[in-house]
Amino acid sequence: MRRGRGLCVLILVLLAQASAFAQPARVFTVDEAVDYAVKNSRTLKSADIDLEIKRRAAKYSWNVLVPTVQMSGTLSRQNSISSNIDAANSSIDMANQMIDLSNAMGQMGAAMQNMPYTMMGQEGPASFNDIPHVSHTKETESMHWAAVGNLGVSLNLSLAYIEQIRASKSAYEGGQISWEQSKRETVTSVKKLFYGLLLQQENIKLQEQSLETARRRSAQARSNWDDGKVPELSYLQAYVSYENMKPSVAEARRTLNQQLDTFAFLLGLPVGTKITLSGSVEPVYVELDADTLVADYGGNAPDIKSLMSTRDGLVHNQKALNLSLAPALALNWGFQPMLTNAFDTNWFEADNWKDSGSLSATLAWNITNLLPFSQTRLQASELKDNIRKLDISLETLRENQKMQVRKAVDTMKSSREQIEAMSRNIDLAQRSYRAMEQAYQAGATELLDLKDAESQLNQTKLGLLSQKFNYISALLDLEQILNVDFLEAK
């Protein structure tokens, strides 16, 4: 007994903890769902990154005009410097020969200057000191090493850069259009799924009401059978009808839960988050004309704007290729200090360094690109053909837009007419069902007739909701096609 009580207490504690950590359901209206999706949708977050990449490329597209600056330092060792030493010693030998010649001439001059004094037996004042010889260079390890620095600045200037910068700007504008298109698609998907879920919920309510009615009808038939008022067959028919309805209601609930998971994923919520929808499938009617819509808003369509942006980018790239045929100017400046005998020389004495840098300006013209069969000309021709293809695609897109707008407007008009007609029919179907139910209770009609009347009533209610959803869905499609919010504009 004690173990049983302890187990019960443990179960109660676990249930209490589970309820404490249970997350409450998130409640969303359609506007709240749209706002949350715009801020948290994974699709839009990815689109934000793509847009940032293009924005950064457009912002710094002028960096083609920034000179290239390179700096390097090299400490190298020559494997053999014997040729350099031999050359240096040869120079020293020549210098020593010149010194010998100079010393000889100096001695001769001194002798001639002292000759008068010598003839008189006197010592002359003139004397001459020999110039010492230069010693040969001996190879040391330091002579193998040299330090070389390099600072280079280069700048290439071409008229094609102008169109390349414009192409980057156009790519960013196209990225903005793509982002707006992704946002519009996300908003449309969220709203459609929101109203679709509301429609499913209403459908389940109707099924649950029918199920409850069937249960009560089965219980009443059982009571009447027990009292001997009706035969067993009447009870069995009512009971089987009730049991047959249970699986369809359970399947509808399971499908709704799956759709709610899809909705949570679309919003950017963790899958499995409990969601409660607040709203109803009630359209706001607007009067629209297809031709007027195309004339006023046709240019706002994201797909058309995106295609036009792509075309502008190709035009800029084509112009850049054409401008690349012109000569280009290349400016280069280099500073290259060099220090030999690196380990036996003071690195901080400027006189020990030698500069072999230079300044140059080069005007280059690629004549080959002027040939009609060159790679550059072929690329330009290909771009021109792609622009022509885009023009055809734009024309096709505009015609397709007209067709889609007409289809959406026709769907809205048809759905509105169906809504008005079904709204009138619901009252008649309700009255018919009540009369049939009274007749069934009085034993004046069969269960099958009552079920037919109930089915007609539910179909009329569900049909009315479906037509309302169709109207809302067509209006959302129209807003996405033309990239305009008619309800806000209204």
Protein backbone atom coordinates (compact mmCIF):
# COMPACT_ATOMS: atom_id res chain seq x y z
CA MET A 1 0.00 0.00 0.00
CA ARG A 2 2.78 2.41 0.89
CA ARG A 3 4.53 1.68 -2.43
CA GLY A 4 1.27 2.32 -4.27
CA ARG A 5 0.77 5.64 -2.50
CA GLY A 6 4.37 6.64 -3.23
CA LEU A 7 3.92 5.82 -6.89
CA CYS A 8 0.74 7.89 -7.06
CA VAL A 9 2.50 10.83 -5.42
CA LEU A 10 5.40 10.54 -7.90
CA ILE A 11 2.98 10.49 -10.84
CA LEU A 12 1.18 13.56 -9.49
CA VAL A 13 4.48 15.41 -9.06
CA LEU A 14 5.53 14.56 -12.63
CA LEU A 15 2.19 15.67 -14.00
CA ALA A 16 2.47 18.94 -12.07
CA GLN A 17 5.96 19.56 -13.46
CA ALA A 18 4.81 18.74 -16.97
CA SER A 19 1.94 21.18 -16.71
CA ALA A 20 4.25 23.82 -15.28
CA PHE A 21 6.61 23.53 -18.25
CA ALA A 22 3.84 23.24 -20.84
CA GLN A 23 3.99 26.09 -23.30
CA PRO A 24 0.75 28.04 -23.81
CA ALA A 25 -0.67 28.20 -27.32
CA ARG A 26 0.39 31.18 -29.44
CA VAL A 27 -2.61 33.22 -30.56
CA PHE A 28 -2.37 34.94 -33.94
CA THR A 29 -4.62 37.18 -35.95
CA VAL A 30 -3.90 37.34 -39.65
CA ASP A 31 -2.03 40.65 -39.30
CA GLU A 32 -0.02 39.39 -36.33
CA ALA A 33 0.89 36.24 -38.25
CA VAL A 34 2.08 38.32 -41.22
CA ASP A 35 4.18 40.62 -39.00
CA TYR A 36 5.76 37.67 -37.22
CA ALA A 37 6.55 35.92 -40.49
CA VAL A 38 8.17 39.02 -41.98
CA LYS A 39 10.46 39.29 -38.97
CA ASN A 40 11.21 35.60 -38.43
CA SER A 41 10.67 33.74 -41.70
CA ARG A 42 13.73 31.69 -42.63
CA THR A 43 13.11 32.39 -46.30
CA LEU A 44 13.21 36.14 -45.74
CA LYS A 45 16.28 35.86 -43.51
CA SER A 46 18.09 34.13 -46.36
CA ALA A 47 16.82 36.82 -48.77
CA ASP A 48 18.15 39.47 -46.35
CA ILE A 49 21.63 37.96 -46.62
CA ASP A 50 21.46 37.91 -50.42
CA LEU A 51 20.36 41.55 -50.43
CA GLU A 52 23.17 42.54 -48.06
CA ILE A 53 25.73 40.91 -50.36
CA LYS A 54 24.48 42.91 -53.34
CA ARG A 55 24.16 46.09 -51.29
CA ARG A 56 27.79 45.82 -50.19
CA ALA A 57 28.92 45.11 -53.76
CA ALA A 58 27.05 48.18 -55.03
CA LYS A 59 28.25 50.41 -52.19
CA TYR A 60 31.91 49.66 -52.88
CA SER A 61 31.68 49.17 -56.64
CA TRP A 62 33.97 52.20 -57.05
CA ASN A 63 36.85 50.18 -55.56
CA VAL A 64 38.00 49.35 -59.12
CA LEU A 65 39.50 52.86 -59.03
CA VAL A 66 41.53 52.12 -55.89
CA PRO A 67 45.21 51.56 -56.73
CA THR A 68 46.80 48.25 -55.88
CA VAL A 69 49.49 48.67 -53.22
CA GLN A 70 51.89 45.82 -52.52
CA MET A 71 54.72 45.71 -50.04
CA SER A 72 57.33 42.99 -49.61
CA GLY A 73 60.66 42.40 -48.00
CA THR A 74 63.21 39.76 -49.00
CA LEU A 75 66.35 38.50 -47.31
CA SER A 76 68.26 36.30 -49.78
CA ARG A 77 71.56 34.38 -49.84
CA GLN A 78 73.52 33.71 -53.00
CA ASN A 79 75.02 30.24 -53.20
CA SER A 80 78.17 31.50 -54.97
CA ILE A 81 79.63 35.00 -55.18
CA SER A 82 83.06 34.06 -56.61
CA SER A 83 82.31 35.84 -59.87
CA ASN A 84 81.47 39.02 -57.99
CA ILE A 85 84.66 38.77 -55.91
CA ASP A 86 86.79 38.05 -58.99
CA ALA A 87 85.29 41.08 -60.68
CA ALA A 88 85.94 43.17 -57.57
CA ASN A 89 89.56 41.93 -57.33
CA SER A 90 90.11 42.64 -61.01
CA SER A 91 89.01 46.18 -60.36
CA ILE A 92 91.35 46.32 -57.38
CA ASP A 93 94.27 45.06 -59.53
CA MET A 94 93.60 47.79 -62.04
CA ALA A 95 93.44 50.31 -59.22
CA ASN A 96 96.77 49.06 -57.80
CA GLN A 97 98.36 49.35 -61.24
CA MET A 98 97.21 52.93 -61.40
CA ILE A 99 98.60 53.46 -57.92
CA ASP A 100 102.01 52.01 -59.01
CA LEU A 101 102.03 54.31 -62.00
CA SER A 102 101.08 57.25 -59.83
CA ASN A 103 103.78 56.37 -57.29
CA ALA A 104 106.41 56.11 -60.04
CA MET A 105 105.46 59.45 -61.49
CA GLY A 106 105.40 60.94 -58.01
CA GLN A 107 108.91 59.69 -57.28
CA MET A 108 110.18 61.01 -60.60
CA GLY A 109 108.68 64.41 -59.91
CA ALA A 110 110.20 64.51 -56.46
CA ALA A 111 113.65 63.59 -57.88
CA MET A 112 113.49 66.35 -60.48
CA GLN A 113 112.44 68.84 -57.84
CA ASN A 114 115.46 67.92 -55.63
CA MET A 115 117.98 67.83 -58.47
CA PRO A 116 119.32 71.45 -57.97
CA TYR A 117 119.92 70.84 -54.33
CA THR A 118 121.63 67.54 -55.02
CA MET A 119 124.03 69.18 -57.50
CA MET A 120 125.03 71.71 -54.82
CA GLY A 121 125.47 68.96 -52.27
CA GLN A 122 122.44 70.05 -50.31
CA GLU A 123 119.30 68.19 -49.20
CA GLY A 124 116.15 69.35 -50.98
CA PRO A 125 112.86 70.01 -49.20
CA ALA A 126 110.68 67.91 -51.48
CA SER A 127 109.74 64.36 -50.55
CA PHE A 128 107.16 61.83 -51.81
CA ASN A 129 105.19 59.17 -49.92
CA ASP A 130 103.99 56.16 -51.89
CA ILE A 131 100.22 55.60 -52.10
CA PRO A 132 99.46 52.25 -50.43
CA HIS A 133 97.96 49.42 -52.46
CA VAL A 134 94.33 48.36 -52.05
CA SER A 135 93.97 44.92 -50.53
CA HIS A 136 92.12 42.19 -52.39
CA THR A 137 88.55 41.42 -51.29
CA LYS A 138 88.21 38.22 -49.33
CA GLU A 139 84.98 36.23 -49.37
CA THR A 140 82.94 36.34 -46.15
CA GLU A 141 79.53 34.86 -45.24
CA SER A 142 77.94 38.30 -45.02
CA MET A 143 78.74 38.93 -48.70
CA HIS A 144 76.34 36.11 -49.61
CA TRP A 145 73.36 37.96 -48.07
CA ALA A 146 71.31 40.85 -49.42
CA ALA A 147 68.18 42.61 -48.16
CA VAL A 148 65.66 43.87 -50.70
CA GLY A 149 62.50 45.83 -49.99
CA ASN A 150 59.73 46.54 -52.46
CA LEU A 151 56.80 48.96 -52.41
CA GLY A 152 54.70 48.96 -55.57
CA VAL A 153 51.63 51.04 -56.48
CA SER A 154 49.68 50.30 -59.65
CA LEU A 155 46.46 51.75 -61.05
CA ASN A 156 44.60 50.63 -64.16
CA LEU A 157 42.15 53.07 -65.72
CA SER A 158 39.53 52.01 -68.26
CA LEU A 159 36.28 53.51 -69.50
CA ALA A 160 34.66 50.11 -68.95
CA TYR A 161 34.82 50.67 -65.20
CA ILE A 162 32.00 53.22 -65.47
CA GLU A 163 29.52 50.66 -66.80
CA GLN A 164 30.78 48.02 -64.40
CA ILE A 165 29.91 50.32 -61.49
CA ARG A 166 26.48 50.94 -62.98
CA ALA A 167 25.99 47.19 -63.42
CA SER A 168 26.68 46.69 -59.69
CA LYS A 169 24.12 49.35 -58.83
CA SER A 170 21.60 47.66 -61.11
CA ALA A 171 22.29 44.29 -59.48
CA TYR A 172 21.54 45.81 -56.07
CA GLU A 173 18.28 47.27 -57.34
CA GLY A 174 17.41 43.84 -58.71
CA GLY A 175 18.20 42.36 -55.30
CA GLN A 176 15.80 44.81 -53.66
CA ILE A 177 13.09 43.78 -56.10
CA SER A 178 13.78 40.09 -55.40
CA TRP A 179 13.54 40.76 -51.67
CA GLU A 180 10.23 42.56 -52.10
CA GLN A 181 9.01 39.67 -54.22
CA SER A 182 10.02 37.16 -51.55
CA LYS A 183 8.27 39.25 -48.92
CA ARG A 184 5.11 39.49 -50.99
CA GLU A 185 5.12 35.73 -51.62
CA THR A 186 5.61 35.06 -47.91
CA VAL A 187 2.77 37.41 -46.95
CA THR A 188 0.45 35.80 -49.51
CA SER A 189 1.35 32.28 -48.38
CA VAL A 190 0.79 33.16 -44.71
CA LYS A 191 -2.59 34.77 -45.38
CA LYS A 192 -3.78 31.95 -47.63
CA LEU A 193 -2.76 29.29 -45.15
CA PHE A 194 -4.28 31.28 -42.30
CA TYR A 195 -7.69 31.48 -43.96
CA GLY A 196 -7.36 27.91 -45.20
CA LEU A 197 -6.85 26.74 -41.63
CA LEU A 198 -9.86 28.73 -40.49
CA LEU A 199 -11.86 27.00 -43.22
CA GLN A 200 -10.63 23.62 -42.00
CA GLN A 201 -11.55 24.52 -38.43
CA GLU A 202 -15.07 25.47 -39.50
CA ASN A 203 -15.35 22.25 -41.47
CA ILE A 204 -14.31 20.26 -38.39
CA LYS A 205 -16.88 22.15 -36.28
CA LEU A 206 -19.61 21.14 -38.73
CA GLN A 207 -18.40 17.53 -38.65
CA GLU A 208 -18.27 17.55 -34.86
CA GLN A 209 -21.77 19.00 -34.68
CA SER A 210 -23.00 16.26 -37.02
CA LEU A 211 -21.14 13.68 -34.94
CA GLU A 212 -22.76 14.94 -31.74
CA THR A 213 -26.16 14.96 -33.41
CA ALA A 214 -25.58 11.39 -34.60
CA ARG A 215 -24.57 10.36 -31.07
CA ARG A 216 -27.71 11.85 -29.56
CA ARG A 217 -29.78 10.29 -32.31
CA SER A 218 -28.18 6.89 -31.62
CA ALA A 219 -28.82 7.24 -27.88
CA GLN A 220 -32.44 8.21 -28.52
CA ALA A 221 -32.90 5.26 -30.89
CA ARG A 222 -31.47 2.92 -28.25
CA SER A 223 -33.88 4.30 -25.68
CA ASN A 224 -36.82 3.95 -28.06
CA TRP A 225 -35.74 0.38 -28.88
CA ASP A 226 -35.47 -0.48 -25.21
CA ASP A 227 -38.99 0.89 -24.73
CA GLY A 228 -40.23 -1.08 -27.72
CA LYS A 229 -41.18 2.02 -29.67
CA VAL A 230 -38.94 1.27 -32.70
CA PRO A 231 -37.57 -1.93 -34.18
CA GLU A 232 -33.95 -2.96 -33.59
CA LEU A 233 -33.09 -2.09 -37.19
CA SER A 234 -33.76 1.61 -36.53
CA TYR A 235 -31.38 1.57 -33.58
CA LEU A 236 -28.69 -0.30 -35.51
CA GLN A 237 -28.92 2.16 -38.41
CA ALA A 238 -28.49 5.12 -36.08
CA TYR A 239 -25.62 3.46 -34.21
CA VAL A 240 -23.72 2.44 -37.37
CA SER A 241 -24.16 5.95 -38.82
CA TYR A 242 -22.65 7.41 -35.63
CA GLU A 243 -19.70 5.01 -35.59
CA ASN A 244 -18.96 5.58 -39.28
CA MET A 245 -18.58 9.31 -38.71
CA LYS A 246 -15.87 8.98 -36.03
CA PRO A 247 -12.91 8.10 -38.33
CA SER A 248 -13.57 10.98 -40.72
CA VAL A 249 -13.69 13.48 -37.84
CA ALA A 250 -10.47 12.06 -36.36
CA GLU A 251 -8.77 12.24 -39.78
CA ALA A 252 -9.87 15.86 -40.21
CA ARG A 253 -8.35 16.76 -36.83
CA ARG A 254 -5.09 15.02 -37.69
CA THR A 255 -4.88 16.87 -41.01
CA LEU A 256 -5.54 20.18 -39.24
CA ASN A 257 -2.71 19.54 -36.77
CA GLN A 258 -0.34 18.80 -39.66
CA GLN A 259 -1.35 22.02 -41.37
CA LEU A 260 -0.78 23.94 -38.13
CA ASP A 261 2.76 22.52 -38.01
CA THR A 262 3.27 23.73 -41.58
CA PHE A 263 1.95 27.15 -40.56
CA ALA A 264 4.35 27.31 -37.60
CA PHE A 265 7.25 26.41 -39.90
CA LEU A 266 6.21 29.11 -42.37
CA LEU A 267 6.12 31.72 -39.60
CA GLY A 268 9.56 30.71 -38.36
CA LEU A 269 8.32 29.06 -35.16
CA PRO A 270 9.61 25.69 -33.94
CA VAL A 271 7.61 22.82 -35.39
CA GLY A 272 5.12 21.58 -32.81
CA THR A 273 4.37 25.02 -31.37
CA LYS A 274 0.74 25.19 -30.37
CA ILE A 275 -1.08 27.83 -32.39
CA THR A 276 -4.55 29.29 -32.00
CA LEU A 277 -5.99 31.32 -34.86
CA SER A 278 -8.15 34.34 -34.13
CA GLY A 279 -10.36 35.47 -36.98
CA SER A 280 -13.02 34.40 -39.43
CA VAL A 281 -13.34 33.73 -43.15
CA GLU A 282 -15.10 36.97 -44.02
CA PRO A 283 -13.99 38.77 -47.17
CA VAL A 284 -13.95 42.52 -47.71
CA TYR A 285 -15.45 43.17 -51.12
CA VAL A 286 -13.82 45.54 -53.60
CA GLU A 287 -14.98 46.63 -57.03
CA LEU A 288 -12.21 46.02 -59.58
CA ASP A 289 -11.86 46.17 -63.35
CA ALA A 290 -9.21 44.00 -65.03
CA ASP A 291 -8.19 46.45 -67.76
CA THR A 292 -7.96 49.35 -65.32
CA LEU A 293 -5.85 47.27 -62.93
CA VAL A 294 -3.37 46.32 -65.65
CA ALA A 295 -3.09 49.94 -66.82
CA ASP A 296 -2.64 51.36 -63.30
CA TYR A 297 -0.59 48.68 -61.56
CA GLY A 298 0.85 46.45 -64.29
CA GLY A 299 4.30 48.01 -63.95
CA ASN A 300 4.41 47.24 -60.21
CA ALA A 301 4.54 43.48 -60.73
CA PRO A 302 7.67 42.10 -59.01
CA ASP A 303 8.41 39.59 -61.76
CA ILE A 304 8.26 42.29 -64.44
CA LYS A 305 10.38 44.70 -62.38
CA SER A 306 12.89 41.92 -61.71
CA LEU A 307 13.14 41.06 -65.40
CA MET A 308 13.60 44.73 -66.32
CA SER A 309 16.34 45.04 -63.70
CA THR A 310 18.07 41.99 -65.17
CA ARG A 311 17.83 43.58 -68.61
CA ASP A 312 19.40 46.82 -67.34
CA GLY A 313 22.28 44.82 -65.89
CA LEU A 314 22.90 43.10 -69.22
CA VAL A 315 22.83 46.45 -71.02
CA HIS A 316 25.47 47.86 -68.65
CA ASN A 317 27.63 44.76 -69.11
CA GLN A 318 27.32 45.06 -72.88
CA LYS A 319 28.39 48.72 -72.75
CA ALA A 320 31.30 47.75 -70.51
CA LEU A 321 32.49 45.23 -73.11
CA ASN A 322 32.21 47.84 -75.85
CA LEU A 323 34.17 50.37 -73.80
CA SER A 324 36.84 47.77 -73.07
CA LEU A 325 37.83 48.08 -76.76
CA ALA A 326 39.23 51.53 -76.03
CA PRO A 327 42.84 51.95 -74.85
CA ALA A 328 43.49 51.52 -71.14
CA LEU A 329 45.99 53.45 -69.06
CA ALA A 330 48.19 51.65 -66.52
CA LEU A 331 50.17 53.68 -63.95
CA ASN A 332 52.91 52.00 -61.92
CA TRP A 333 55.31 53.31 -59.32
CA GLY A 334 57.83 51.20 -57.46
CA PHE A 335 60.32 51.80 -54.67
CA GLN A 336 62.92 49.00 -54.35
CA PRO A 337 65.71 49.61 -51.82
CA MET A 338 68.54 47.05 -51.74
CA LEU A 339 71.27 46.42 -49.17
CA THR A 340 74.23 44.14 -49.95
CA ASN A 341 76.64 42.54 -47.49
CA ALA A 342 73.65 42.47 -45.20
CA PHE A 343 75.30 41.33 -41.95
CA ASP A 344 78.36 43.59 -42.04
CA THR A 345 76.56 46.78 -43.09
CA ASN A 346 74.62 49.27 -40.97
CA TRP A 347 70.96 48.91 -41.97
CA PHE A 348 70.10 52.34 -40.59
CA GLU A 349 72.48 54.30 -42.80
CA ALA A 350 70.53 55.60 -45.78
CA ASP A 351 73.67 55.76 -47.94
CA ASN A 352 74.06 51.98 -47.68
CA TRP A 353 70.81 51.39 -49.57
CA LYS A 354 70.39 51.55 -53.32
CA ASP A 355 67.00 52.18 -54.96
CA SER A 356 66.20 50.44 -58.23
CA GLY A 357 62.50 51.44 -58.37
CA SER A 358 60.79 53.28 -61.23
CA LEU A 359 57.71 55.22 -62.33
CA SER A 360 55.89 54.23 -65.51
CA ALA A 361 52.74 55.08 -67.44
CA THR A 362 51.57 52.60 -70.06
CA LEU A 363 48.84 53.08 -72.63
CA ALA A 364 47.68 49.65 -73.80
CA TRP A 365 45.30 48.88 -76.62
CA ASN A 366 44.22 45.33 -77.33
CA ILE A 367 43.81 45.34 -81.10
CA THR A 368 42.68 41.71 -81.15
CA ASN A 369 39.45 42.63 -79.35
CA LEU A 370 38.47 44.76 -82.36
CA LEU A 371 38.17 41.67 -84.54
CA PRO A 372 34.54 40.54 -84.98
CA PHE A 373 35.43 36.93 -84.07
CA SER A 374 37.40 37.82 -80.92
CA GLN A 375 36.25 36.54 -77.53
CA THR A 376 35.21 40.02 -76.40
CA ARG A 377 33.11 40.69 -79.50
CA LEU A 378 31.49 37.25 -79.24
CA GLN A 379 30.58 37.96 -75.60
CA ALA A 380 29.09 41.31 -76.61
CA SER A 381 27.03 39.63 -79.33
CA GLU A 382 25.83 37.01 -76.85
CA LEU A 383 24.75 39.73 -74.42
CA LYS A 384 22.88 41.49 -77.21
CA ASP A 385 21.00 38.29 -78.05
CA ASN A 386 20.17 37.71 -74.39
CA ILE A 387 18.75 41.23 -74.20
CA ARG A 388 16.54 40.45 -77.18
CA LYS A 389 15.37 37.26 -75.45
CA LEU A 390 14.54 39.26 -72.31
CA ASP A 391 12.48 41.66 -74.40
CA ILE A 392 10.44 38.70 -75.66
CA SER A 393 10.13 37.37 -72.10
CA LEU A 394 8.90 40.77 -70.92
CA GLU A 395 6.25 40.84 -73.62
CA THR A 396 5.16 37.30 -72.71
CA LEU A 397 5.10 38.20 -69.02
CA ARG A 398 2.91 41.24 -69.60
CA GLU A 399 0.42 39.20 -71.65
CA ASN A 400 0.41 36.48 -69.01
CA GLN A 401 -0.18 39.13 -66.38
CA LYS A 402 -3.28 40.35 -68.21
CA MET A 403 -4.58 36.78 -68.34
CA GLN A 404 -3.94 36.19 -64.63
CA VAL A 405 -5.55 39.49 -63.65
CA ARG A 406 -8.66 38.69 -65.69
CA LYS A 407 -8.82 35.22 -64.18
CA ALA A 408 -8.53 36.55 -60.61
CA VAL A 409 -11.16 39.26 -61.17
CA ASP A 410 -13.55 36.74 -62.75
CA THR A 411 -13.01 34.36 -59.83
CA MET A 412 -13.81 37.16 -57.38
CA LYS A 413 -16.97 38.11 -59.22
CA SER A 414 -18.12 34.49 -59.48
CA SER A 415 -17.36 33.79 -55.82
CA ARG A 416 -19.25 36.89 -54.74
CA GLU A 417 -22.31 35.81 -56.71
CA GLN A 418 -22.08 32.32 -55.18
CA ILE A 419 -21.75 33.80 -51.70
CA GLU A 420 -24.90 35.87 -52.15
CA ALA A 421 -26.84 32.88 -53.51
CA MET A 422 -25.65 30.44 -50.81
CA SER A 423 -26.38 32.97 -48.07
CA ARG A 424 -30.01 32.85 -49.16
CA ASN A 425 -30.00 29.05 -49.47
CA ILE A 426 -28.69 28.42 -45.94
CA ASP A 427 -31.94 29.60 -44.35
CA LEU A 428 -33.95 27.32 -46.64
CA ALA A 429 -31.66 24.37 -45.93
CA GLN A 430 -31.90 25.01 -42.19
CA ARG A 431 -35.71 25.09 -42.29
CA SER A 432 -35.77 21.91 -44.39
CA TYR A 433 -33.54 20.08 -41.94
CA ARG A 434 -35.61 21.12 -38.92
CA ALA A 435 -38.79 19.94 -40.59
CA MET A 436 -37.18 16.63 -41.51
CA GLU A 437 -35.87 16.17 -37.97
CA GLN A 438 -39.35 16.71 -36.53
CA ALA A 439 -40.79 14.26 -39.00
CA TYR A 440 -38.14 11.68 -38.10
CA GLN A 441 -38.84 12.04 -34.40
CA ALA A 442 -42.51 11.55 -35.14
CA GLY A 443 -41.71 8.45 -37.17
CA ALA A 444 -43.01 9.96 -40.39
CA THR A 445 -39.73 9.67 -42.31
CA GLU A 446 -36.67 7.47 -42.57
CA LEU A 447 -33.19 8.09 -41.11
CA LEU A 448 -31.72 8.22 -44.61
CA ASP A 449 -33.95 11.17 -45.51
CA LEU A 450 -32.90 12.98 -42.35
CA LYS A 451 -29.23 12.36 -43.13
CA ASP A 452 -29.72 13.72 -46.65
CA ALA A 453 -31.25 16.89 -45.26
CA GLU A 454 -28.40 17.25 -42.75
CA SER A 455 -25.81 16.64 -45.47
CA GLN A 456 -27.38 19.29 -47.69
CA LEU A 457 -27.33 21.80 -44.84
CA ASN A 458 -23.66 21.13 -44.04
CA GLN A 459 -22.69 21.23 -47.70
CA THR A 460 -24.41 24.59 -48.08
CA LYS A 461 -22.60 25.98 -45.01
CA LEU A 462 -19.26 24.57 -46.13
CA GLY A 463 -19.84 25.75 -49.71
CA LEU A 464 -20.50 29.26 -48.46
CA LEU A 465 -17.24 29.22 -46.47
CA SER A 466 -15.38 27.78 -49.45
CA GLN A 467 -16.61 30.53 -51.74
CA LYS A 468 -15.59 33.15 -49.17
CA PHE A 469 -12.15 31.56 -49.05
CA ASN A 470 -12.00 31.50 -52.86
CA TYR A 471 -12.77 35.22 -52.95
CA ILE A 472 -10.08 36.01 -50.38
CA SER A 473 -7.58 33.74 -52.15
CA ALA A 474 -8.26 35.35 -55.56
CA LEU A 475 -7.84 38.81 -54.03
CA LEU A 476 -4.52 37.77 -52.47
CA ASP A 477 -3.36 36.38 -55.82
CA LEU A 478 -4.30 39.64 -57.48
CA GLU A 479 -2.37 41.65 -54.88
CA GLN A 480 0.69 39.47 -55.43
CA ILE A 481 0.45 39.72 -59.23
CA LEU A 482 0.24 43.52 -59.18
CA ASN A 483 2.20 44.12 -55.94
CA VAL A 484 -0.48 46.31 -54.40
CA ASP A 485 -2.65 46.11 -51.26
CA PHE A 486 -6.16 46.90 -52.41
CA LEU A 487 -7.65 46.95 -48.93
CA GLU A 488 -5.04 49.47 -47.74
CA ALA A 489 -5.45 51.47 -50.95
CA LYS A 490 -9.18 51.45 -50.37
